């Protein structure tokens, strides 16, 4: 495992269960609204989870998230 892969794995391990669910949907291509509908949550709640997971994973956009983490499975 490379240092970068180890760092990614450690960052993913910091996510809460719900953040992991949102993460999976985002990398599959779901929008925030679609994710909220699928998880039966309010849009604002999903948006909060996205903000938190971006911070924990060290990314600033969905594009960066997908580029860095699309091959990761939680």
PDB file of N, CA and C in Angstrom:
ATOM      1  N   UNK A   1       0.853  -1.183   0.000  1.00  0.00           N
ATOM      2  CA  UNK A   1       0.000   0.000   0.000  1.00  0.00           C
ATOM      3  C   UNK A   1       0.892   1.237   0.000  1.00  0.00           C
ATOM      4  N   UNK A   2       0.647   2.127  -0.929  1.00  0.00           N
ATOM      5  CA  UNK A   2       1.446   3.347  -1.005  1.00  0.00           C
ATOM      6  C   UNK A   2       1.060   4.293   0.123  1.00  0.00           C
ATOM      7  N   UNK A   3       1.916   5.262   0.369  1.00  0.00           N
ATOM      8  CA  UNK A   3       1.639   6.245   1.406  1.00  0.00           C
ATOM      9  C   UNK A   3       0.333   6.969   1.115  1.00  0.00           C
ATOM     10  N   UNK A   4       0.128   7.344  -0.161  1.00  0.00           N
ATOM     11  CA  UNK A   4      -1.101   8.037  -0.517  1.00  0.00           C
ATOM     12  C   UNK A   4      -2.312   7.149  -0.288  1.00  0.00           C
ATOM     13  N   UNK A   5      -2.214   5.885  -0.639  1.00  0.00           N
ATOM     14  CA  UNK A   5      -3.323   4.948  -0.438  1.00  0.00           C
ATOM     15  C   UNK A   5      -3.604   4.772   1.053  1.00  0.00           C
ATOM     16  N   UNK A   6      -2.561   4.712   1.845  1.00  0.00           N
ATOM     17  CA  UNK A   6      -2.726   4.570   3.295  1.00  0.00           C
ATOM     18  C   UNK A   6      -3.409   5.813   3.866  1.00  0.00           C
ATOM     19  N   UNK A   7      -2.978   6.981   3.405  1.00  0.00           N
ATOM     20  CA  UNK A   7      -3.577   8.229   3.871  1.00  0.00           C
ATOM     21  C   UNK A   7      -5.057   8.296   3.481  1.00  0.00           C
ATOM     22  N   UNK A   8      -5.390   7.890   2.251  1.00  0.00           N
ATOM     23  CA  UNK A   8      -6.788   7.875   1.813  1.00  0.00           C
ATOM     24  C   UNK A   8      -7.607   6.928   2.680  1.00  0.00           C
ATOM     25  N   UNK A   9      -7.079   5.765   2.961  1.00  0.00           N
ATOM     26  CA  UNK A   9      -7.792   4.791   3.783  1.00  0.00           C
ATOM     27  C   UNK A   9      -8.031   5.328   5.193  1.00  0.00           C
ATOM     28  N   UNK A  10      -7.042   6.007   5.742  1.00  0.00           N
ATOM     29  CA  UNK A  10      -7.187   6.590   7.074  1.00  0.00           C
ATOM     30  C   UNK A  10      -8.254   7.686   7.073  1.00  0.00           C
ATOM     31  N   UNK A  11      -8.274   8.501   6.025  1.00  0.00           N
ATOM     32  CA  UNK A  11      -9.277   9.561   5.934  1.00  0.00           C
ATOM     33  C   UNK A  11     -10.674   8.976   5.794  1.00  0.00           C
ATOM     34  N   UNK A  12     -10.820   7.944   4.979  1.00  0.00           N
ATOM     35  CA  UNK A  12     -12.130   7.312   4.808  1.00  0.00           C
ATOM     36  C   UNK A  12     -12.625   6.696   6.112  1.00  0.00           C
ATOM     37  N   UNK A  13     -11.718   6.184   6.912  1.00  0.00           N
ATOM     38  CA  UNK A  13     -12.086   5.557   8.180  1.00  0.00           C
ATOM     39  C   UNK A  13     -12.647   6.581   9.165  1.00  0.00           C
ATOM     40  N   UNK A  14     -12.356   7.860   8.978  1.00  0.00           N
ATOM     41  CA  UNK A  14     -12.853   8.915   9.877  1.00  0.00           C
ATOM     42  C   UNK A  14     -14.310   9.298   9.610  1.00  0.00           C
ATOM     43  N   UNK A  15     -14.853   8.873   8.483  1.00  0.00           N
ATOM     44  CA  UNK A  15     -16.224   9.250   8.143  1.00  0.00           C
ATOM     45  C   UNK A  15     -17.231   8.506   9.016  1.00  0.00           C
ATOM     46  N   UNK A  16     -18.318   9.204   9.333  1.00  0.00           N
ATOM     47  CA  UNK A  16     -19.407   8.549  10.056  1.00  0.00           C
ATOM     48  C   UNK A  16     -20.134   7.601   9.105  1.00  0.00           C
ATOM     49  N   UNK A  17     -20.989   6.783   9.650  1.00  0.00           N
ATOM     50  CA  UNK A  17     -21.764   5.849   8.830  1.00  0.00           C
ATOM     51  C   UNK A  17     -22.568   6.601   7.769  1.00  0.00           C
ATOM     52  N   UNK A  18     -23.219   7.666   8.161  1.00  0.00           N
ATOM     53  CA  UNK A  18     -24.044   8.418   7.217  1.00  0.00           C
ATOM     54  C   UNK A  18     -23.185   9.125   6.176  1.00  0.00           C
ATOM     55  N   UNK A  19     -22.047   9.673   6.594  1.00  0.00           N
ATOM     56  CA  UNK A  19     -21.141  10.301   5.633  1.00  0.00           C
ATOM     57  C   UNK A  19     -20.648   9.279   4.610  1.00  0.00           C
ATOM     58  N   UNK A  20     -20.419   8.061   5.043  1.00  0.00           N
ATOM     59  CA  UNK A  20     -20.003   6.996   4.119  1.00  0.00           C
ATOM     60  C   UNK A  20     -21.102   6.686   3.118  1.00  0.00           C
ATOM     61  N   UNK A  21     -22.343   6.685   3.580  1.00  0.00           N
ATOM     62  CA  UNK A  21     -23.464   6.440   2.669  1.00  0.00           C
ATOM     63  C   UNK A  21     -23.557   7.545   1.619  1.00  0.00           C
ATOM     64  N   UNK A  22     -23.420   8.786   2.063  1.00  0.00           N
ATOM     65  CA  UNK A  22     -23.460   9.925   1.142  1.00  0.00           C
ATOM     66  C   UNK A  22     -22.272   9.862   0.185  1.00  0.00           C
ATOM     67  N   UNK A  23     -21.099   9.533   0.700  1.00  0.00           N
ATOM     68  CA  UNK A  23     -19.899   9.389  -0.120  1.00  0.00           C
ATOM     69  C   UNK A  23     -20.129   8.401  -1.261  1.00  0.00           C
ATOM     70  N   UNK A  24     -20.658   7.237  -0.925  1.00  0.00           N
ATOM     71  CA  UNK A  24     -20.909   6.200  -1.933  1.00  0.00           C
ATOM     72  C   UNK A  24     -21.837   6.715  -3.033  1.00  0.00           C
ATOM     73  N   UNK A  25     -22.887   7.420  -2.638  1.00  0.00           N
ATOM     74  CA  UNK A  25     -23.832   7.939  -3.623  1.00  0.00           C
ATOM     75  C   UNK A  25     -23.177   9.007  -4.507  1.00  0.00           C
ATOM     76  N   UNK A  26     -22.371   9.867  -3.906  1.00  0.00           N
ATOM     77  CA  UNK A  26     -21.711  10.916  -4.692  1.00  0.00           C
ATOM     78  C   UNK A  26     -20.768  10.326  -5.735  1.00  0.00           C
ATOM     79  N   UNK A  27     -19.965   9.351  -5.333  1.00  0.00           N
ATOM     80  CA  UNK A  27     -19.026   8.784  -6.305  1.00  0.00           C
ATOM     81  C   UNK A  27     -19.743   7.936  -7.355  1.00  0.00           C
ATOM     82  N   UNK A  28     -20.983   7.521  -7.071  1.00  0.00           N
ATOM     83  CA  UNK A  28     -21.791   6.818  -8.068  1.00  0.00           C
ATOM     84  C   UNK A  28     -22.470   7.794  -9.018  1.00  0.00           C
ATOM     85  N   UNK A  29     -22.404   9.093  -8.701  1.00  0.00           N
ATOM     86  CA  UNK A  29     -22.962  10.093  -9.597  1.00  0.00           C
ATOM     87  C   UNK A  29     -24.289  10.695  -9.187  1.00  0.00           C
ATOM     88  N   UNK A  30     -24.791  10.351  -8.021  1.00  0.00           N
ATOM     89  CA  UNK A  30     -26.043  10.925  -7.548  1.00  0.00           C
ATOM     90  C   UNK A  30     -25.864  12.404  -7.219  1.00  0.00           C
ATOM     91  N   UNK A  31     -26.888  13.199  -7.451  1.00  0.00           N
ATOM     92  CA  UNK A  31     -26.881  14.600  -7.031  1.00  0.00           C
ATOM     93  C   UNK A  31     -27.220  14.654  -5.538  1.00  0.00           C
ATOM     94  N   UNK A  32     -27.073  15.829  -4.949  1.00  0.00           N
ATOM     95  CA  UNK A  32     -27.428  15.966  -3.541  1.00  0.00           C
ATOM     96  C   UNK A  32     -28.924  15.698  -3.340  1.00  0.00           C
ATOM     97  N   UNK A  33     -29.747  16.210  -4.230  1.00  0.00           N
ATOM     98  CA  UNK A  33     -31.193  15.984  -4.119  1.00  0.00           C
ATOM     99  C   UNK A  33     -31.525  14.503  -4.247  1.00  0.00           C
ATOM    100  N   UNK A  34     -30.930  13.839  -5.229  1.00  0.00           N
ATOM    101  CA  UNK A  34     -31.164  12.403  -5.398  1.00  0.00           C
ATOM    102  C   UNK A  34     -30.686  11.622  -4.178  1.00  0.00           C
ATOM    103  N   UNK A  35     -29.536  12.026  -3.637  1.00  0.00           N
ATOM    104  CA  UNK A  35     -29.006  11.368  -2.438  1.00  0.00           C
ATOM    105  C   UNK A  35     -29.962  11.554  -1.268  1.00  0.00           C
ATOM    106  N   UNK A  36     -30.468  12.768  -1.104  1.00  0.00           N
ATOM    107  CA  UNK A  36     -31.415  13.050  -0.019  1.00  0.00           C
ATOM    108  C   UNK A  36     -32.663  12.191  -0.173  1.00  0.00           C
ATOM    109  N   UNK A  37     -33.189  12.120  -1.383  1.00  0.00           N
ATOM    110  CA  UNK A  37     -34.375  11.300  -1.626  1.00  0.00           C
ATOM    111  C   UNK A  37     -34.108   9.829  -1.328  1.00  0.00           C
ATOM    112  N   UNK A  38     -32.988   9.331  -1.789  1.00  0.00           N
ATOM    113  CA  UNK A  38     -32.648   7.914  -1.608  1.00  0.00           C
ATOM    114  C   UNK A  38     -32.466   7.563  -0.128  1.00  0.00           C
ATOM    115  N   UNK A  39     -31.852   8.494   0.626  1.00  0.00           N
ATOM    116  CA  UNK A  39     -31.598   8.251   2.047  1.00  0.00           C
ATOM    117  C   UNK A  39     -32.754   8.704   2.943  1.00  0.00           C
ATOM    118  N   UNK A  40     -33.793   9.292   2.308  1.00  0.00           N
ATOM    119  CA  UNK A  40     -34.946   9.809   3.045  1.00  0.00           C
ATOM    120  C   UNK A  40     -34.530  10.867   4.070  1.00  0.00           C
ATOM    121  N   UNK A  41     -33.694  11.792   3.603  1.00  0.00           N
ATOM    122  CA  UNK A  41     -33.210  12.901   4.426  1.00  0.00           C
ATOM    123  C   UNK A  41     -33.541  14.217   3.740  1.00  0.00           C
ATOM    124  N   UNK A  42     -33.464  15.294   4.494  1.00  0.00           N
ATOM    125  CA  UNK A  42     -33.626  16.618   3.901  1.00  0.00           C
ATOM    126  C   UNK A  42     -32.366  16.957   3.116  1.00  0.00           C
ATOM    127  N   UNK A  43     -32.552  17.769   2.081  1.00  0.00           N
ATOM    128  CA  UNK A  43     -31.431  18.234   1.267  1.00  0.00           C
ATOM    129  C   UNK A  43     -30.373  18.899   2.150  1.00  0.00           C
ATOM    130  N   UNK A  44     -30.810  19.744   3.077  1.00  0.00           N
ATOM    131  CA  UNK A  44     -29.862  20.480   3.922  1.00  0.00           C
ATOM    132  C   UNK A  44     -29.031  19.531   4.795  1.00  0.00           C
ATOM    133  N   UNK A  45     -29.627  18.430   5.214  1.00  0.00           N
ATOM    134  CA  UNK A  45     -28.896  17.443   6.015  1.00  0.00           C
ATOM    135  C   UNK A  45     -27.819  16.779   5.168  1.00  0.00           C
ATOM    136  N   UNK A  46     -28.157  16.398   3.954  1.00  0.00           N
ATOM    137  CA  UNK A  46     -27.177  15.787   3.057  1.00  0.00           C
ATOM    138  C   UNK A  46     -26.074  16.795   2.745  1.00  0.00           C
ATOM    139  N   UNK A  47     -26.448  18.047   2.528  1.00  0.00           N
ATOM    140  CA  UNK A  47     -25.456  19.082   2.258  1.00  0.00           C
ATOM    141  C   UNK A  47     -24.474  19.223   3.430  1.00  0.00           C
ATOM    142  N   UNK A  48     -24.967  19.131   4.650  1.00  0.00           N
ATOM    143  CA  UNK A  48     -24.098  19.182   5.834  1.00  0.00           C
ATOM    144  C   UNK A  48     -23.150  17.990   5.845  1.00  0.00           C
ATOM    145  N   UNK A  49     -23.658  16.803   5.536  1.00  0.00           N
ATOM    146  CA  UNK A  49     -22.793  15.614   5.485  1.00  0.00           C
ATOM    147  C   UNK A  49     -21.714  15.780   4.406  1.00  0.00           C
ATOM    148  N   UNK A  50     -22.083  16.342   3.270  1.00  0.00           N
ATOM    149  CA  UNK A  50     -21.117  16.555   2.190  1.00  0.00           C
ATOM    150  C   UNK A  50     -20.032  17.534   2.640  1.00  0.00           C
ATOM    151  N   UNK A  51     -20.434  18.625   3.275  1.00  0.00           N
ATOM    152  CA  UNK A  51     -19.464  19.599   3.783  1.00  0.00           C
ATOM    153  C   UNK A  51     -18.488  18.930   4.738  1.00  0.00           C
ATOM    154  N   UNK A  52     -19.017  18.102   5.647  1.00  0.00           N
ATOM    155  CA  UNK A  52     -18.163  17.416   6.617  1.00  0.00           C
ATOM    156  C   UNK A  52     -17.242  16.405   5.948  1.00  0.00           C
ATOM    157  N   UNK A  53     -17.757  15.649   5.002  1.00  0.00           N
ATOM    158  CA  UNK A  53     -16.890  14.647   4.369  1.00  0.00           C
ATOM    159  C   UNK A  53     -15.840  15.297   3.470  1.00  0.00           C
ATOM    160  N   UNK A  54     -16.162  16.406   2.815  1.00  0.00           N
ATOM    161  CA  UNK A  54     -15.146  17.133   2.043  1.00  0.00           C
ATOM    162  C   UNK A  54     -14.004  17.556   2.968  1.00  0.00           C
ATOM    163  N   UNK A  55     -14.365  18.090   4.133  1.00  0.00           N
ATOM    164  CA  UNK A  55     -13.349  18.547   5.089  1.00  0.00           C
ATOM    165  C   UNK A  55     -12.496  17.369   5.563  1.00  0.00           C
ATOM    166  N   UNK A  56     -13.139  16.271   5.936  1.00  0.00           N
ATOM    167  CA  UNK A  56     -12.418  15.104   6.448  1.00  0.00           C
ATOM    168  C   UNK A  56     -11.530  14.456   5.385  1.00  0.00           C
ATOM    169  N   UNK A  57     -11.965  14.508   4.123  1.00  0.00           N
ATOM    170  CA  UNK A  57     -11.196  13.880   3.049  1.00  0.00           C
ATOM    171  C   UNK A  57     -10.208  14.841   2.393  1.00  0.00           C
ATOM    172  N   UNK A  58     -10.290  16.117   2.750  1.00  0.00           N
ATOM    173  CA  UNK A  58      -9.344  17.093   2.216  1.00  0.00           C
ATOM    174  C   UNK A  58      -9.594  17.453   0.761  1.00  0.00           C
ATOM    175  N   UNK A  59     -10.872  17.486   0.355  1.00  0.00           N
ATOM    176  CA  UNK A  59     -11.220  17.864  -1.016  1.00  0.00           C
ATOM    177  C   UNK A  59     -12.078  19.121  -0.989  1.00  0.00           C
ATOM    178  N   UNK A  60     -12.135  19.810  -2.131  1.00  0.00           N
ATOM    179  CA  UNK A  60     -12.899  21.054  -2.206  1.00  0.00           C
ATOM    180  C   UNK A  60     -14.064  21.006  -3.181  1.00  0.00           C
ATOM    181  N   UNK A  61     -14.195  19.903  -3.918  1.00  0.00           N
ATOM    182  CA  UNK A  61     -15.269  19.818  -4.903  1.00  0.00           C
ATOM    183  C   UNK A  61     -15.629  18.356  -5.154  1.00  0.00           C
ATOM    184  N   UNK A  62     -16.792  18.160  -5.766  1.00  0.00           N
ATOM    185  CA  UNK A  62     -17.207  16.803  -6.118  1.00  0.00           C
ATOM    186  C   UNK A  62     -16.255  16.215  -7.160  1.00  0.00           C
ATOM    187  N   UNK A  63     -15.804  17.041  -8.087  1.00  0.00           N
ATOM    188  CA  UNK A  63     -14.869  16.558  -9.102  1.00  0.00           C
ATOM    189  C   UNK A  63     -13.589  16.026  -8.459  1.00  0.00           C
ATOM    190  N   UNK A  64     -13.062  16.762  -7.503  1.00  0.00           N
ATOM    191  CA  UNK A  64     -11.851  16.322  -6.809  1.00  0.00           C
ATOM    192  C   UNK A  64     -12.129  15.041  -6.023  1.00  0.00           C
ATOM    193  N   UNK A  65     -13.282  14.968  -5.397  1.00  0.00           N
ATOM    194  CA  UNK A  65     -13.670  13.767  -4.656  1.00  0.00           C
ATOM    195  C   UNK A  65     -13.688  12.550  -5.573  1.00  0.00           C
ATOM    196  N   UNK A  66     -14.321  12.699  -6.715  1.00  0.00           N
ATOM    197  CA  UNK A  66     -14.447  11.578  -7.650  1.00  0.00           C
ATOM    198  C   UNK A  66     -13.093  11.174  -8.215  1.00  0.00           C
ATOM    199  N   UNK A  67     -12.268  12.147  -8.578  1.00  0.00           N
ATOM    200  CA  UNK A  67     -10.951  11.840  -9.134  1.00  0.00           C
ATOM    201  C   UNK A  67     -10.095  11.083  -8.122  1.00  0.00           C
ATOM    202  N   UNK A  68     -10.115  11.527  -6.865  1.00  0.00           N
ATOM    203  CA  UNK A  68      -9.244  10.919  -5.860  1.00  0.00           C
ATOM    204  C   UNK A  68      -9.797   9.634  -5.244  1.00  0.00           C
ATOM    205  N   UNK A  69     -11.126   9.512  -5.184  1.00  0.00           N
ATOM    206  CA  UNK A  69     -11.707   8.424  -4.403  1.00  0.00           C
ATOM    207  C   UNK A  69     -12.624   7.480  -5.183  1.00  0.00           C
ATOM    208  N   UNK A  70     -12.777   7.653  -6.493  1.00  0.00           N
ATOM    209  CA  UNK A  70     -13.756   6.835  -7.216  1.00  0.00           C
ATOM    210  C   UNK A  70     -13.470   5.340  -7.150  1.00  0.00           C
ATOM    211  N   UNK A  71     -12.231   4.959  -6.974  1.00  0.00           N
ATOM    212  CA  UNK A  71     -11.896   3.524  -6.924  1.00  0.00           C
ATOM    213  C   UNK A  71     -11.966   2.952  -5.513  1.00  0.00           C
ATOM    214  N   UNK A  72     -12.279   3.795  -4.539  1.00  0.00           N
ATOM    215  CA  UNK A  72     -12.315   3.334  -3.148  1.00  0.00           C
ATOM    216  C   UNK A  72     -13.696   2.798  -2.806  1.00  0.00           C
ATOM    217  N   UNK A  73     -13.718   1.719  -2.094  1.00  0.00           N
ATOM    218  CA  UNK A  73     -14.973   1.171  -1.571  1.00  0.00           C
ATOM    219  C   UNK A  73     -14.882   1.175  -0.062  1.00  0.00           C
ATOM    220  N   UNK A  74     -15.974   1.565   0.555  1.00  0.00           N
ATOM    221  CA  UNK A  74     -15.996   1.638   2.012  1.00  0.00           C
ATOM    222  C   UNK A  74     -16.675   0.386   2.543  1.00  0.00           C
TER     223      UNK A  74
END
